[in-house]
C-alpha atoms as a PDB file:
ATOM      1  CA  UNK A   1       0.000   0.000   0.000  1.00  0.00           C
ATOM      2  CA  UNK A   2       2.856   2.360   0.798  1.00  0.00           C
ATOM      3  CA  UNK A   3       4.289   1.857  -2.677  1.00  0.00           C
ATOM      4  CA  UNK A   4       0.905   2.617  -4.274  1.00  0.00           C
ATOM      5  CA  UNK A   5       0.559   5.757  -2.161  1.00  0.00           C
ATOM      6  CA  UNK A   6       4.179   6.650  -2.960  1.00  0.00           C
ATOM      7  CA  UNK A   7       5.145   7.053   0.665  1.00  0.00           C
ATOM      8  CA  UNK A   8       8.214   5.724   2.403  1.00  0.00           C
ATOM      9  CA  UNK A   9       7.557   3.416   5.361  1.00  0.00           C
ATOM     10  CA  UNK A  10      10.312   2.182   7.653  1.00  0.00           C
ATOM     11  CA  UNK A  11      10.423  -1.502   8.494  1.00  0.00           C
ATOM     12  CA  UNK A  12       9.648  -0.584  12.109  1.00  0.00           C
ATOM     13  CA  UNK A  13       6.406   1.089  11.044  1.00  0.00           C
ATOM     14  CA  UNK A  14       5.150  -1.792   8.909  1.00  0.00           C
ATOM     15  CA  UNK A  15       3.912  -3.833  11.887  1.00  0.00           C
ATOM     16  CA  UNK A  16       2.036  -0.904  13.440  1.00  0.00           C
ATOM     17  CA  UNK A  17       0.499   0.141  10.132  1.00  0.00           C
ATOM     18  CA  UNK A  18      -0.513  -3.446   9.367  1.00  0.00           C
ATOM     19  CA  UNK A  19      -2.436  -3.574  12.657  1.00  0.00           C
ATOM     20  CA  UNK A  20      -4.106  -0.232  11.893  1.00  0.00           C
ATOM     21  CA  UNK A  21      -5.174  -1.318   8.405  1.00  0.00           C
ATOM     22  CA  UNK A  22      -6.497  -4.623   9.786  1.00  0.00           C
ATOM     23  CA  UNK A  23      -8.618  -2.671  12.308  1.00  0.00           C
ATOM     24  CA  UNK A  24     -10.061  -0.470   9.573  1.00  0.00           C
ATOM     25  CA  UNK A  25     -10.912  -3.485   7.412  1.00  0.00           C
ATOM     26  CA  UNK A  26     -12.525  -5.224  10.391  1.00  0.00           C
ATOM     27  CA  UNK A  27     -14.675  -2.147  11.017  1.00  0.00           C
ATOM     28  CA  UNK A  28     -15.744  -2.116   7.348  1.00  0.00           C
ATOM     29  CA  UNK A  29     -16.729  -5.780   7.658  1.00  0.00           C
ATOM     30  CA  UNK A  30     -18.872  -4.880  10.696  1.00  0.00           C
ATOM     31  CA  UNK A  31     -20.623  -2.171   8.687  1.00  0.00           C
ATOM     32  CA  UNK A  32     -21.402  -4.585   5.851  1.00  0.00           C
ATOM     33  CA  UNK A  33     -22.836  -7.057   8.373  1.00  0.00           C
ATOM     34  CA  UNK A  34     -25.498  -4.588   9.571  1.00  0.00           C
ATOM     35  CA  UNK A  35     -29.005  -5.537   8.428  1.00  0.00           C
ATOM     36  CA  UNK A  36     -30.423  -2.499   6.659  1.00  0.00           C
ATOM     37  CA  UNK A  37     -33.404  -4.203   5.045  1.00  0.00           C
ATOM     38  CA  UNK A  38     -36.389  -1.884   5.130  1.00  0.00           C
ATOM     39  CA  UNK A  39     -34.355   1.183   6.102  1.00  0.00           C
ATOM     40  CA  UNK A  40     -35.040   4.189   3.912  1.00  0.00           C
ATOM     41  CA  UNK A  41     -31.929   5.781   2.428  1.00  0.00           C
ATOM     42  CA  UNK A  42     -31.050   9.181   3.841  1.00  0.00           C
ATOM     43  CA  UNK A  43     -31.756  12.168   1.670  1.00  0.00           C
ATOM     44  CA  UNK A  44     -29.087  14.771   1.195  1.00  0.00           C
ATOM     45  CA  UNK A  45     -30.210  18.218   2.307  1.00  0.00           C
ATOM     46  CA  UNK A  46     -30.377  20.822  -0.435  1.00  0.00           C
ATOM     47  CA  UNK A  47     -27.144  22.666  -1.086  1.00  0.00           C
ATOM     48  CA  UNK A  48     -27.488  26.334  -0.268  1.00  0.00           C
ATOM     49  CA  UNK A  49     -24.945  28.518  -1.976  1.00  0.00           C
ATOM     50  CA  UNK A  50     -23.762  31.328   0.218  1.00  0.00           C
ATOM     51  CA  UNK A  51     -22.867  34.595  -1.470  1.00  0.00           C
ATOM     52  CA  UNK A  52     -19.132  35.155  -1.596  1.00  0.00           C
ATOM     53  CA  UNK A  53     -17.607  38.292  -0.206  1.00  0.00           C
ATOM     54  CA  UNK A  54     -15.646  40.587  -2.473  1.00  0.00           C
ATOM     55  CA  UNK A  55     -12.029  39.461  -2.762  1.00  0.00           C
ATOM     56  CA  UNK A  56     -10.187  42.602  -1.813  1.00  0.00           C
ATOM     57  CA  UNK A  57      -7.134  43.362   0.276  1.00  0.00           C
ATOM     58  CA  UNK A  58      -7.914  44.698   3.718  1.00  0.00           C
ATOM     59  CA  UNK A  59      -6.207  45.249   7.037  1.00  0.00           C
ATOM     60  CA  UNK A  60      -6.667  41.972   8.911  1.00  0.00           C
ATOM     61  CA  UNK A  61      -4.174  42.108  11.763  1.00  0.00           C
ATOM     62  CA  UNK A  62      -4.165  45.829  12.268  1.00  0.00           C
ATOM     63  CA  UNK A  63      -1.156  48.111  12.189  1.00  0.00           C
ATOM     64  CA  UNK A  64      -0.526  47.782  15.921  1.00  0.00           C
ATOM     65  CA  UNK A  65      -0.405  43.968  15.800  1.00  0.00           C
ATOM     66  CA  UNK A  66       2.071  44.110  12.929  1.00  0.00           C
ATOM     67  CA  UNK A  67       4.181  46.779  14.611  1.00  0.00           C
ATOM     68  CA  UNK A  68       4.690  44.709  17.772  1.00  0.00           C
ATOM     69  CA  UNK A  69       5.340  41.476  15.870  1.00  0.00           C
ATOM     70  CA  UNK A  70       8.807  39.997  16.380  1.00  0.00           C
ATOM     71  CA  UNK A  71       9.212  39.551  12.639  1.00  0.00           C
ATOM     72  CA  UNK A  72       7.926  42.983  11.578  1.00  0.00           C
ATOM     73  CA  UNK A  73       9.985  44.886   9.011  1.00  0.00           C
ATOM     74  CA  UNK A  74       8.685  48.100   7.451  1.00  0.00           C
ATOM     75  CA  UNK A  75       5.086  47.328   8.445  1.00  0.00           C
ATOM     76  CA  UNK A  76       5.174  43.782   7.080  1.00  0.00           C
ATOM     77  CA  UNK A  77       5.477  40.495   8.950  1.00  0.00           C
ATOM     78  CA  UNK A  78       8.263  38.175   7.829  1.00  0.00           C
ATOM     79  CA  UNK A  79       7.351  34.493   7.725  1.00  0.00           C
ATOM     80  CA  UNK A  80       9.459  31.429   6.900  1.00  0.00           C
ATOM     81  CA  UNK A  81       9.475  30.252   3.298  1.00  0.00           C
ATOM     82  CA  UNK A  82       7.331  27.127   2.976  1.00  0.00           C
ATOM     83  CA  UNK A  83       7.313  26.517  -0.775  1.00  0.00           C
ATOM     84  CA  UNK A  84      10.585  25.986  -2.605  1.00  0.00           C
END
């Protein structure tokens, strides 16, 4: 499964993950064993689309919050780079 998901799994994790997957599959078997004869399917409630707000830049933190921030430089907050 790890190879299909393209994730690296250490040999020490294989045992723990095998137990976890076995538990999930056992739970699925329990769900399939439930007798649902005569039970009406649930109806999905109607989807209500909420109006979107205008996408415009605005002051979220406030100038004071930015000014006292440890990473503030020239009114901006410096954050670590997360995308290469």
